[in-house]
């Protein structure tokens, strides 16, 4: 009985390994879209840096903010806290906080440091059409950090 159980275990593990590598082989290849190209597959549009008028607010990516707060929150607060600026990136999640205030988390590639944008309660309508993975641009005021993640307040979707 011990030999039979051992062989059944080996066969079971072999099937798991084959299934895992089969799933990887069948996964679709990612599509890279560069500026000026047209996407041929359905999915979120590419992120393109917004064009702003000279003398307008500074423009930062979600990753810029996340890296700054991850490296040194004190220095990042000096650069961003209570200052108004544009931020752009891909939507990771769309939620409301415990007070019913709509929030968007942008994907910065740093799970615990992704920027969170808070909007006014009147923004529910404009945020209802957003989807995960879609690019956005917002004007926000820096609100410091929460556990190394940038918090932005008084945001307006552009």
C-alpha atoms as a PDB file:
ATOM      1  CA  UNK A   1       0.000   0.000   0.000  1.00  0.00           C
ATOM      2  CA  UNK A   2       2.876   2.403   0.751  1.00  0.00           C
ATOM      3  CA  UNK A   3       4.359   2.028  -2.741  1.00  0.00           C
ATOM      4  CA  UNK A   4       0.965   2.595  -4.384  1.00  0.00           C
ATOM      5  CA  UNK A   5       0.372   5.784  -2.347  1.00  0.00           C
ATOM      6  CA  UNK A   6       3.849   7.028  -3.221  1.00  0.00           C
ATOM      7  CA  UNK A   7       3.269   6.521  -6.973  1.00  0.00           C
ATOM      8  CA  UNK A   8      -0.173   8.111  -6.832  1.00  0.00           C
ATOM      9  CA  UNK A   9       1.381  11.131  -5.085  1.00  0.00           C
ATOM     10  CA  UNK A  10       4.096  11.422  -7.733  1.00  0.00           C
ATOM     11  CA  UNK A  11       1.550  11.185 -10.555  1.00  0.00           C
ATOM     12  CA  UNK A  12      -0.664  13.795  -8.849  1.00  0.00           C
ATOM     13  CA  UNK A  13       2.245  16.230  -8.457  1.00  0.00           C
ATOM     14  CA  UNK A  14       3.239  15.619 -12.075  1.00  0.00           C
ATOM     15  CA  UNK A  15      -0.261  16.525 -13.252  1.00  0.00           C
ATOM     16  CA  UNK A  16      -0.164  19.735 -11.208  1.00  0.00           C
ATOM     17  CA  UNK A  17       3.172  20.746 -12.751  1.00  0.00           C
ATOM     18  CA  UNK A  18       1.952  19.958 -16.292  1.00  0.00           C
ATOM     19  CA  UNK A  19      -1.267  21.916 -15.665  1.00  0.00           C
ATOM     20  CA  UNK A  20       0.670  24.915 -14.330  1.00  0.00           C
ATOM     21  CA  UNK A  21       3.037  25.098 -17.291  1.00  0.00           C
ATOM     22  CA  UNK A  22       0.176  24.424 -19.724  1.00  0.00           C
ATOM     23  CA  UNK A  23      -1.735  27.396 -18.316  1.00  0.00           C
ATOM     24  CA  UNK A  24       1.321  29.623 -18.758  1.00  0.00           C
ATOM     25  CA  UNK A  25       1.797  28.459 -22.352  1.00  0.00           C
ATOM     26  CA  UNK A  26      -1.853  29.165 -23.187  1.00  0.00           C
ATOM     27  CA  UNK A  27      -1.863  32.647 -21.601  1.00  0.00           C
ATOM     28  CA  UNK A  28      -2.147  35.470 -24.165  1.00  0.00           C
ATOM     29  CA  UNK A  29       0.944  37.522 -24.857  1.00  0.00           C
ATOM     30  CA  UNK A  30       0.784  41.082 -23.545  1.00  0.00           C
ATOM     31  CA  UNK A  31       0.301  43.794 -26.143  1.00  0.00           C
ATOM     32  CA  UNK A  32       2.608  46.803 -25.982  1.00  0.00           C
ATOM     33  CA  UNK A  33       1.112  49.995 -27.371  1.00  0.00           C
ATOM     34  CA  UNK A  34       3.347  52.922 -28.122  1.00  0.00           C
ATOM     35  CA  UNK A  35       2.273  56.512 -28.722  1.00  0.00           C
ATOM     36  CA  UNK A  36       0.762  56.890 -32.176  1.00  0.00           C
ATOM     37  CA  UNK A  37      -0.161  53.203 -32.531  1.00  0.00           C
ATOM     38  CA  UNK A  38      -3.690  51.903 -32.694  1.00  0.00           C
ATOM     39  CA  UNK A  39      -4.692  49.097 -30.324  1.00  0.00           C
ATOM     40  CA  UNK A  40      -5.974  45.986 -32.082  1.00  0.00           C
ATOM     41  CA  UNK A  41      -7.255  44.206 -28.964  1.00  0.00           C
ATOM     42  CA  UNK A  42      -9.986  45.290 -26.601  1.00  0.00           C
ATOM     43  CA  UNK A  43      -8.670  46.687 -23.331  1.00  0.00           C
ATOM     44  CA  UNK A  44      -7.962  49.905 -21.513  1.00  0.00           C
ATOM     45  CA  UNK A  45      -6.450  52.704 -23.559  1.00  0.00           C
ATOM     46  CA  UNK A  46      -2.735  53.413 -23.072  1.00  0.00           C
ATOM     47  CA  UNK A  47      -1.582  56.015 -20.583  1.00  0.00           C
ATOM     48  CA  UNK A  48      -0.368  59.146 -22.312  1.00  0.00           C
ATOM     49  CA  UNK A  49       1.123  62.026 -20.345  1.00  0.00           C
ATOM     50  CA  UNK A  50      -1.394  64.872 -20.306  1.00  0.00           C
ATOM     51  CA  UNK A  51      -0.502  68.067 -22.141  1.00  0.00           C
ATOM     52  CA  UNK A  52      -0.800  71.124 -19.906  1.00  0.00           C
ATOM     53  CA  UNK A  53      -0.362  74.786 -20.571  1.00  0.00           C
ATOM     54  CA  UNK A  54       2.926  76.440 -19.545  1.00  0.00           C
ATOM     55  CA  UNK A  55       2.697  77.796 -16.023  1.00  0.00           C
ATOM     56  CA  UNK A  56      -0.029  75.311 -15.129  1.00  0.00           C
ATOM     57  CA  UNK A  57       0.215  72.809 -12.296  1.00  0.00           C
ATOM     58  CA  UNK A  58       3.077  70.305 -12.143  1.00  0.00           C
ATOM     59  CA  UNK A  59       2.366  66.840 -13.546  1.00  0.00           C
ATOM     60  CA  UNK A  60       3.325  63.585 -11.772  1.00  0.00           C
ATOM     61  CA  UNK A  61       2.689  59.915 -12.430  1.00  0.00           C
ATOM     62  CA  UNK A  62       1.257  57.614  -9.790  1.00  0.00           C
ATOM     63  CA  UNK A  63       4.653  55.912  -9.712  1.00  0.00           C
ATOM     64  CA  UNK A  64       6.471  59.248  -9.120  1.00  0.00           C
ATOM     65  CA  UNK A  65       4.399  59.801  -5.976  1.00  0.00           C
ATOM     66  CA  UNK A  66       4.687  56.209  -4.748  1.00  0.00           C
ATOM     67  CA  UNK A  67       8.470  56.114  -5.143  1.00  0.00           C
ATOM     68  CA  UNK A  68       8.897  59.507  -3.444  1.00  0.00           C
ATOM     69  CA  UNK A  69       6.860  58.440  -0.391  1.00  0.00           C
ATOM     70  CA  UNK A  70       8.466  55.004  -0.276  1.00  0.00           C
ATOM     71  CA  UNK A  71      11.994  56.451  -0.276  1.00  0.00           C
ATOM     72  CA  UNK A  72      11.445  59.327   2.190  1.00  0.00           C
ATOM     73  CA  UNK A  73       8.007  60.380   3.428  1.00  0.00           C
ATOM     74  CA  UNK A  74       9.333  63.561   5.079  1.00  0.00           C
ATOM     75  CA  UNK A  75      10.953  64.797   1.863  1.00  0.00           C
ATOM     76  CA  UNK A  76       7.868  63.769  -0.151  1.00  0.00           C
ATOM     77  CA  UNK A  77       5.604  65.745   2.204  1.00  0.00           C
ATOM     78  CA  UNK A  78       7.812  68.794   1.658  1.00  0.00           C
ATOM     79  CA  UNK A  79       7.344  68.381  -2.108  1.00  0.00           C
ATOM     80  CA  UNK A  80       3.668  67.395  -2.317  1.00  0.00           C
ATOM     81  CA  UNK A  81       1.695  68.000   0.891  1.00  0.00           C
ATOM     82  CA  UNK A  82      -0.827  70.870   0.629  1.00  0.00           C
ATOM     83  CA  UNK A  83       0.287  71.575  -2.959  1.00  0.00           C
ATOM     84  CA  UNK A  84      -2.001  71.291  -5.995  1.00  0.00           C
ATOM     85  CA  UNK A  85      -0.808  69.231  -8.985  1.00  0.00           C
ATOM     86  CA  UNK A  86      -1.923  66.877 -11.748  1.00  0.00           C
ATOM     87  CA  UNK A  87      -1.522  63.144 -11.295  1.00  0.00           C
ATOM     88  CA  UNK A  88      -2.081  60.483 -13.920  1.00  0.00           C
ATOM     89  CA  UNK A  89      -2.074  56.710 -13.984  1.00  0.00           C
ATOM     90  CA  UNK A  90      -4.201  53.605 -14.377  1.00  0.00           C
ATOM     91  CA  UNK A  91      -7.133  52.928 -12.081  1.00  0.00           C
ATOM     92  CA  UNK A  92      -6.463  50.022  -9.733  1.00  0.00           C
ATOM     93  CA  UNK A  93      -9.674  50.286  -7.710  1.00  0.00           C
ATOM     94  CA  UNK A  94     -12.724  52.494  -7.286  1.00  0.00           C
ATOM     95  CA  UNK A  95     -14.200  52.543  -3.782  1.00  0.00           C
ATOM     96  CA  UNK A  96     -15.748  54.721  -1.098  1.00  0.00           C
ATOM     97  CA  UNK A  97     -14.293  55.298   2.341  1.00  0.00           C
ATOM     98  CA  UNK A  98     -16.191  54.784   5.607  1.00  0.00           C
ATOM     99  CA  UNK A  99     -17.815  58.236   5.189  1.00  0.00           C
ATOM    100  CA  UNK A 100     -19.071  57.486   1.678  1.00  0.00           C
ATOM    101  CA  UNK A 101     -16.402  59.673   0.027  1.00  0.00           C
ATOM    102  CA  UNK A 102     -15.421  58.248  -3.390  1.00  0.00           C
ATOM    103  CA  UNK A 103     -11.787  57.155  -3.696  1.00  0.00           C
ATOM    104  CA  UNK A 104      -9.668  55.910  -6.562  1.00  0.00           C
ATOM    105  CA  UNK A 105      -6.445  53.989  -6.071  1.00  0.00           C
ATOM    106  CA  UNK A 106      -3.950  54.305  -8.924  1.00  0.00           C
ATOM    107  CA  UNK A 107      -1.638  51.472  -9.898  1.00  0.00           C
ATOM    108  CA  UNK A 108       1.954  52.493  -9.260  1.00  0.00           C
ATOM    109  CA  UNK A 109       3.359  48.976  -9.315  1.00  0.00           C
ATOM    110  CA  UNK A 110       4.010  49.179  -5.568  1.00  0.00           C
ATOM    111  CA  UNK A 111       1.089  47.477  -3.814  1.00  0.00           C
ATOM    112  CA  UNK A 112       1.307  49.168  -0.418  1.00  0.00           C
ATOM    113  CA  UNK A 113       2.406  52.537  -1.782  1.00  0.00           C
ATOM    114  CA  UNK A 114      -0.212  53.116  -4.488  1.00  0.00           C
ATOM    115  CA  UNK A 115      -1.641  56.659  -4.391  1.00  0.00           C
ATOM    116  CA  UNK A 116      -5.203  57.063  -3.164  1.00  0.00           C
ATOM    117  CA  UNK A 117      -7.248  59.944  -4.602  1.00  0.00           C
ATOM    118  CA  UNK A 118     -10.235  61.277  -2.630  1.00  0.00           C
ATOM    119  CA  UNK A 119     -12.997  63.158  -4.416  1.00  0.00           C
ATOM    120  CA  UNK A 120     -15.967  65.149  -3.133  1.00  0.00           C
ATOM    121  CA  UNK A 121     -19.237  63.325  -2.453  1.00  0.00           C
ATOM    122  CA  UNK A 122     -20.691  65.042  -5.522  1.00  0.00           C
ATOM    123  CA  UNK A 123     -18.214  63.152  -7.762  1.00  0.00           C
ATOM    124  CA  UNK A 124     -20.141  59.860  -7.669  1.00  0.00           C
ATOM    125  CA  UNK A 125     -21.656  60.533 -11.106  1.00  0.00           C
ATOM    126  CA  UNK A 126     -18.391  61.336 -12.864  1.00  0.00           C
ATOM    127  CA  UNK A 127     -16.635  58.307 -11.324  1.00  0.00           C
ATOM    128  CA  UNK A 128     -19.428  55.829 -12.046  1.00  0.00           C
ATOM    129  CA  UNK A 129     -18.274  55.269 -15.646  1.00  0.00           C
ATOM    130  CA  UNK A 130     -14.639  54.528 -14.733  1.00  0.00           C
ATOM    131  CA  UNK A 131     -13.309  50.986 -14.916  1.00  0.00           C
ATOM    132  CA  UNK A 132     -10.314  49.213 -13.464  1.00  0.00           C
ATOM    133  CA  UNK A 133      -7.261  49.554 -15.728  1.00  0.00           C
ATOM    134  CA  UNK A 134      -8.382  52.738 -17.472  1.00  0.00           C
ATOM    135  CA  UNK A 135      -6.080  55.773 -17.455  1.00  0.00           C
ATOM    136  CA  UNK A 136      -7.143  58.948 -15.677  1.00  0.00           C
ATOM    137  CA  UNK A 137      -5.812  62.435 -15.079  1.00  0.00           C
ATOM    138  CA  UNK A 138      -6.863  64.330 -11.960  1.00  0.00           C
ATOM    139  CA  UNK A 139      -6.019  67.624 -10.305  1.00  0.00           C
ATOM    140  CA  UNK A 140      -5.421  66.974  -6.611  1.00  0.00           C
ATOM    141  CA  UNK A 141      -3.986  68.474  -3.440  1.00  0.00           C
ATOM    142  CA  UNK A 142      -1.352  66.440  -1.628  1.00  0.00           C
ATOM    143  CA  UNK A 143      -2.599  65.117   1.685  1.00  0.00           C
ATOM    144  CA  UNK A 144       0.489  63.430   3.090  1.00  0.00           C
ATOM    145  CA  UNK A 145       0.806  59.681   3.469  1.00  0.00           C
ATOM    146  CA  UNK A 146      -0.883  56.818   5.210  1.00  0.00           C
ATOM    147  CA  UNK A 147       1.402  53.855   5.913  1.00  0.00           C
ATOM    148  CA  UNK A 148       3.816  55.012   3.158  1.00  0.00           C
ATOM    149  CA  UNK A 149       1.032  55.417   0.573  1.00  0.00           C
ATOM    150  CA  UNK A 150       0.422  58.898  -0.887  1.00  0.00           C
ATOM    151  CA  UNK A 151      -2.991  60.346  -0.002  1.00  0.00           C
ATOM    152  CA  UNK A 152      -4.418  62.990  -2.315  1.00  0.00           C
ATOM    153  CA  UNK A 153      -7.498  65.043  -1.459  1.00  0.00           C
ATOM    154  CA  UNK A 154      -9.869  67.490  -3.146  1.00  0.00           C
ATOM    155  CA  UNK A 155      -9.374  65.724  -6.448  1.00  0.00           C
ATOM    156  CA  UNK A 156     -11.149  66.662  -9.663  1.00  0.00           C
ATOM    157  CA  UNK A 157     -11.260  64.272 -12.588  1.00  0.00           C
ATOM    158  CA  UNK A 158     -10.174  65.844 -15.895  1.00  0.00           C
END
